[in-house]
Amino acid sequence: MVYARLWQNGKTVMKQFGGVGSPVNSQWKNLADGMVLVVDYWQSQNLNWLDGVGCGYGKEYCAVSYTGEMTR
């Protein structure tokens, strides 16, 4: 079981990862071998290039010529 505590401006959220049927279960060996699990939480309407399907598919302005093939 992995527990994550996220906090900001005096507010805290606790999340639990793992347990029966969890997708995290397939990663325990990788974690034991040294892979680092990073848990982060953020929200913005201007970051579709990062958490969406690619540059140019959201409301944000994105200069595709600067982003290369990986973001298309």
C-alpha atoms as a PDB file:
ATOM      1  CA  MET A   1       0.000   0.000   0.000  1.00  0.00           C
ATOM      2  CA  VAL A   2       1.250   3.505  -0.815  1.00  0.00           C
ATOM      3  CA  TYR A   3      -0.056   6.542   0.999  1.00  0.00           C
ATOM      4  CA  ALA A   4       0.380  10.074  -0.300  1.00  0.00           C
ATOM      5  CA  ARG A   5      -0.231  13.258   1.635  1.00  0.00           C
ATOM      6  CA  LEU A   6      -0.668  16.413  -0.407  1.00  0.00           C
ATOM      7  CA  TRP A   7      -0.900  19.788   1.280  1.00  0.00           C
ATOM      8  CA  GLN A   8      -1.222  23.424   0.321  1.00  0.00           C
ATOM      9  CA  ASN A   9      -2.364  26.564   2.125  1.00  0.00           C
ATOM     10  CA  GLY A  10      -3.122  24.674   5.328  1.00  0.00           C
ATOM     11  CA  LYS A  11      -5.298  22.046   3.625  1.00  0.00           C
ATOM     12  CA  THR A  12      -4.330  18.366   3.436  1.00  0.00           C
ATOM     13  CA  VAL A  13      -5.568  15.496   1.274  1.00  0.00           C
ATOM     14  CA  MET A  14      -4.606  11.868   1.929  1.00  0.00           C
ATOM     15  CA  LYS A  15      -4.721   9.330  -0.906  1.00  0.00           C
ATOM     16  CA  GLN A  16      -4.155   5.584  -0.792  1.00  0.00           C
ATOM     17  CA  PHE A  17      -2.778   3.608  -3.736  1.00  0.00           C
ATOM     18  CA  GLY A  18      -2.748  -0.153  -3.967  1.00  0.00           C
ATOM     19  CA  GLY A  19      -5.047  -2.785  -2.603  1.00  0.00           C
ATOM     20  CA  VAL A  20      -7.053  -5.476  -4.357  1.00  0.00           C
ATOM     21  CA  GLY A  21      -7.371  -4.872  -8.103  1.00  0.00           C
ATOM     22  CA  SER A  22      -5.298  -1.682  -8.112  1.00  0.00           C
ATOM     23  CA  PRO A  23      -3.199  -0.827 -11.196  1.00  0.00           C
ATOM     24  CA  VAL A  24      -0.375   0.082  -8.802  1.00  0.00           C
ATOM     25  CA  ASN A  25       0.011  -3.606  -7.938  1.00  0.00           C
ATOM     26  CA  SER A  26       1.727  -4.260 -11.263  1.00  0.00           C
ATOM     27  CA  GLN A  27       4.463  -1.767 -10.327  1.00  0.00           C
ATOM     28  CA  TRP A  28       5.690  -3.123  -6.970  1.00  0.00           C
ATOM     29  CA  LYS A  29       8.682  -4.921  -8.532  1.00  0.00           C
ATOM     30  CA  ASN A  30       9.671  -1.776 -10.433  1.00  0.00           C
ATOM     31  CA  LEU A  31       9.452   0.256  -7.226  1.00  0.00           C
ATOM     32  CA  ALA A  32      11.531  -2.341  -5.366  1.00  0.00           C
ATOM     33  CA  ASP A  33      14.107  -2.121  -8.185  1.00  0.00           C
ATOM     34  CA  GLY A  34      14.459   1.619  -7.604  1.00  0.00           C
ATOM     35  CA  MET A  35      11.797   3.278  -9.738  1.00  0.00           C
ATOM     36  CA  VAL A  36      10.517   6.449  -8.070  1.00  0.00           C
ATOM     37  CA  LEU A  37       6.791   7.028  -7.691  1.00  0.00           C
ATOM     38  CA  VAL A  38       5.919  10.716  -7.921  1.00  0.00           C
ATOM     39  CA  VAL A  39       2.465  11.872  -6.881  1.00  0.00           C
ATOM     40  CA  ASP A  40       1.545  15.386  -7.868  1.00  0.00           C
ATOM     41  CA  TYR A  41      -1.719  17.271  -8.117  1.00  0.00           C
ATOM     42  CA  TRP A  42      -2.304  20.394 -10.107  1.00  0.00           C
ATOM     43  CA  GLN A  43      -4.984  21.855 -12.320  1.00  0.00           C
ATOM     44  CA  SER A  44      -4.960  24.334 -15.152  1.00  0.00           C
ATOM     45  CA  GLN A  45      -7.014  24.807 -18.290  1.00  0.00           C
ATOM     46  CA  ASN A  46      -3.824  25.800 -20.135  1.00  0.00           C
ATOM     47  CA  LEU A  47      -1.892  22.535 -19.804  1.00  0.00           C
ATOM     48  CA  ASN A  48      -3.535  20.291 -22.393  1.00  0.00           C
ATOM     49  CA  TRP A  49      -0.100  19.881 -24.009  1.00  0.00           C
ATOM     50  CA  LEU A  50       1.043  18.121 -20.823  1.00  0.00           C
ATOM     51  CA  ASP A  51      -1.932  16.080 -19.632  1.00  0.00           C
ATOM     52  CA  GLY A  52      -4.063  15.928 -22.785  1.00  0.00           C
ATOM     53  CA  VAL A  53      -3.632  14.219 -26.115  1.00  0.00           C
ATOM     54  CA  GLY A  54      -1.168  16.765 -27.459  1.00  0.00           C
ATOM     55  CA  CYS A  55      -0.485  20.312 -28.430  1.00  0.00           C
ATOM     56  CA  GLY A  56      -3.287  22.077 -30.258  1.00  0.00           C
ATOM     57  CA  TYR A  57      -6.156  19.927 -29.004  1.00  0.00           C
ATOM     58  CA  GLY A  58      -7.200  22.233 -26.175  1.00  0.00           C
ATOM     59  CA  LYS A  59      -8.092  25.877 -25.597  1.00  0.00           C
ATOM     60  CA  GLU A  60      -4.504  26.914 -24.918  1.00  0.00           C
ATOM     61  CA  TYR A  61      -2.265  28.597 -27.467  1.00  0.00           C
ATOM     62  CA  CYS A  62       0.470  26.260 -28.578  1.00  0.00           C
ATOM     63  CA  ALA A  63       3.144  26.960 -31.168  1.00  0.00           C
ATOM     64  CA  VAL A  64       3.352  23.496 -32.731  1.00  0.00           C
ATOM     65  CA  SER A  65       6.463  24.472 -34.670  1.00  0.00           C
ATOM     66  CA  TYR A  66       8.374  24.689 -31.363  1.00  0.00           C
ATOM     67  CA  THR A  67       7.073  21.475 -29.813  1.00  0.00           C
ATOM     68  CA  GLY A  68       8.254  18.819 -32.229  1.00  0.00           C
ATOM     69  CA  GLU A  69       6.659  15.556 -33.252  1.00  0.00           C
ATOM     70  CA  MET A  70       6.326  14.099 -29.744  1.00  0.00           C
ATOM     71  CA  THR A  71       3.456  16.433 -28.829  1.00  0.00           C
ATOM     72  CA  ARG A  72       1.413  15.973 -32.011  1.00  0.00           C
END
